[in-house]
Protein backbone atom coordinates (compact mmCIF):
# COMPACT_ATOMS: atom_id res chain seq x y z
CA MET A 1 101.27 32.34 74.99
CA SER A 2 97.73 31.77 75.88
CA GLY A 3 94.93 34.23 75.26
CA ASN A 4 95.38 35.63 78.76
CA ASP A 5 99.08 36.23 78.25
CA ALA A 6 98.62 39.09 75.84
CA PRO A 7 100.92 42.05 76.57
CA LEU A 8 99.44 44.64 78.92
CA ILE A 9 98.55 47.85 77.25
CA ASN A 10 99.24 51.05 79.14
CA SER A 11 95.82 52.32 80.06
CA ARG A 12 97.00 55.87 80.79
CA ARG A 13 95.93 58.48 78.35
CA THR A 14 98.72 60.24 76.64
CA ARG A 15 98.69 64.02 76.60
CA SER A 16 98.86 65.90 73.43
CA PRO A 17 102.00 67.99 73.07
CA GLY A 18 101.81 71.53 74.40
CA ILE A 19 101.67 73.31 77.76
CA PRO A 20 99.93 71.37 80.52
CA PRO A 21 96.90 73.31 81.86
CA TYR A 22 98.33 73.78 85.38
CA TYR A 23 101.47 75.44 83.95
CA LEU A 24 99.28 77.81 81.99
CA LEU A 25 97.31 78.67 85.12
CA LEU A 26 100.53 79.21 87.06
CA ALA A 27 101.93 81.41 84.29
CA ILE A 28 98.90 83.68 84.58
CA ALA A 29 98.24 83.57 88.34
CA LEU A 30 101.80 84.00 89.63
CA PRO A 31 102.53 87.37 87.95
CA ALA A 32 99.08 88.62 88.97
CA ALA A 33 99.70 87.64 92.61
CA ILE A 34 103.12 89.30 92.58
CA ALA A 35 101.62 92.51 91.19
CA ILE A 36 98.90 92.56 93.87
CA VAL A 37 101.43 92.03 96.67
CA ALA A 38 103.66 94.78 95.27
CA LEU A 39 100.73 97.22 95.15
CA LEU A 40 99.71 96.37 98.72
CA GLU A 41 103.28 96.82 99.98
CA ARG A 42 103.53 100.17 98.22
CA ARG A 43 100.22 101.29 99.70
CA THR A 44 101.36 100.25 103.19
CA ALA A 45 104.72 101.97 102.78
CA VAL A 46 103.08 105.21 101.69
CA ALA A 47 100.53 105.11 104.51
CA SER A 48 103.17 104.53 107.19
CA GLN A 49 105.43 107.42 106.17
CA PRO A 50 105.58 109.99 108.97
CA ALA A 51 104.17 113.44 108.27
CA VAL A 52 106.90 114.91 110.48
CA THR A 53 110.14 113.62 111.98
CA ILE A 54 111.18 115.22 115.25
CA LYS A 55 114.85 114.94 116.17
CA MET A 56 115.84 114.32 119.77
CA LEU A 57 119.01 116.33 120.44
CA ASP A 58 121.59 116.15 123.25
CA VAL A 59 123.12 119.67 123.42
CA PRO A 60 121.06 121.51 124.18
CA ALA A 61 118.59 118.79 125.16
CA ALA A 62 115.70 119.57 122.83
CA PHE A 63 113.12 118.35 120.36
CA GLU A 64 113.64 119.79 116.88
CA PRO A 65 111.28 121.22 115.78
CA GLY A 66 109.83 122.06 119.19
CA THR A 67 106.32 122.69 117.87
CA VAL A 68 104.63 121.08 114.88
CA THR A 69 101.16 121.31 113.35
CA ILE A 70 99.68 118.26 111.63
CA LYS A 71 96.31 116.86 110.55
CA VAL A 72 94.20 114.20 112.26
CA GLY A 73 95.47 110.81 111.08
CA ASP A 74 99.06 111.97 110.53
CA THR A 75 101.96 110.05 112.04
CA VAL A 76 104.86 111.71 113.83
CA GLU A 77 108.21 109.99 114.22
CA TRP A 78 110.71 110.85 116.96
CA ARG A 79 114.31 109.97 116.09
CA ASN A 80 117.06 109.96 118.71
CA VAL A 81 119.96 111.52 116.79
CA GLY A 82 122.01 112.09 119.95
CA ASN A 83 124.35 109.94 122.00
CA GLU A 84 122.15 109.88 125.12
CA VAL A 85 118.91 108.10 125.95
CA HIS A 86 115.78 110.19 125.24
CA HIS A 87 112.06 109.82 125.81
CA ALA A 88 108.77 111.35 124.56
CA THR A 89 105.63 111.16 126.66
CA THR A 90 102.30 112.89 127.22
CA ASP A 91 101.66 110.69 130.26
CA PRO A 92 101.50 112.83 133.44
CA SER A 93 102.62 109.87 135.56
CA MET A 94 105.94 109.81 133.66
CA ALA A 95 106.64 113.57 133.89
CA ILE A 96 108.40 115.44 136.69
CA ASN A 97 105.96 118.34 136.30
CA CYS A 98 102.58 117.07 135.07
CA GLY A 99 101.88 120.59 133.74
CA ASP A 100 104.57 120.02 131.08
CA VAL A 101 102.59 117.21 129.42
CA GLY A 102 99.03 116.52 128.38
CA SER A 103 96.66 115.29 125.70
CA PRO A 104 93.32 116.64 124.47
CA SER A 105 90.12 115.20 125.90
CA GLY A 106 89.41 111.78 124.39
CA ALA A 107 93.04 111.07 123.41
CA GLN A 108 95.09 108.37 125.05
CA PRO A 109 98.55 109.42 126.31
CA PHE A 110 101.53 108.15 124.35
CA ASP A 111 104.89 107.09 125.72
CA SER A 112 107.93 106.12 123.69
CA GLY A 113 109.79 104.44 126.49
CA PHE A 114 113.50 105.16 126.69
CA LEU A 115 115.01 105.42 123.23
CA LYS A 116 118.67 104.53 122.77
CA PRO A 117 120.76 106.50 120.26
CA GLY A 118 119.54 105.80 116.72
CA ALA A 119 116.15 104.46 117.86
CA THR A 120 112.78 105.80 116.68
CA PHE A 121 109.22 105.96 117.97
CA SER A 122 106.09 106.72 115.94
CA HIS A 123 102.60 107.75 116.98
CA THR A 124 99.52 108.36 114.83
CA PHE A 125 97.29 111.17 116.08
CA LYS A 126 93.59 110.37 115.89
CA VAL A 127 92.15 113.19 118.07
CA ALA A 128 92.40 116.90 117.23
CA GLY A 129 93.85 119.24 119.83
CA THR A 130 97.14 120.20 121.46
CA TYR A 131 99.52 117.59 122.81
CA ARG A 132 102.30 118.68 125.18
CA TYR A 133 105.07 116.14 125.66
CA ALA A 134 108.41 115.92 127.43
CA CYS A 135 111.57 113.85 127.63
CA ALA A 136 111.39 112.37 131.15
CA VAL A 137 115.20 112.22 131.21
CA HIS A 138 115.75 115.88 130.23
CA GLU A 139 112.50 117.58 131.21
CA THR A 140 114.26 119.75 133.83
CA SER A 141 116.63 120.89 131.05
CA GLY A 142 113.63 122.15 129.07
CA MET A 143 113.22 119.24 126.65
CA ILE A 144 109.51 119.84 126.06
CA GLY A 145 107.58 119.84 122.79
CA LYS A 146 104.13 120.54 121.41
CA ILE A 147 102.05 119.03 118.62
CA VAL A 148 98.93 120.77 117.36
CA VAL A 149 96.56 118.43 115.53
CA LYS A 150 93.89 120.05 113.32
């Protein structure tokens, strides 16, 4: 062996025994991130809970309850609990008698579209006033409701 043939020495530094720093960071950051996500999900779930659920009934065709009073910012959910298609709208262009529906000044009309049995529709009320709505399918049967937003 010549002087240049000396065995190569591993130039990597060896770590001292213990937990590597990135594992320590992960052990702290991961539970914190999970806790933050859980709190945000809980906050979202609470905020999206409807203030009132209105059932859409078949016989007689009706909204139950027919009139509700809520606060600005509350969400109302309509749930089709019947076996027929139902609808909830304040849009005069969707109603047979435009006098059966309406929204306060400054509020946009809402329209659920046709809801199959078991389906739901939610709307958050941002403008105070009285909203009159109807089921376009059963309006002539008297399926009309009212929401008063204070």
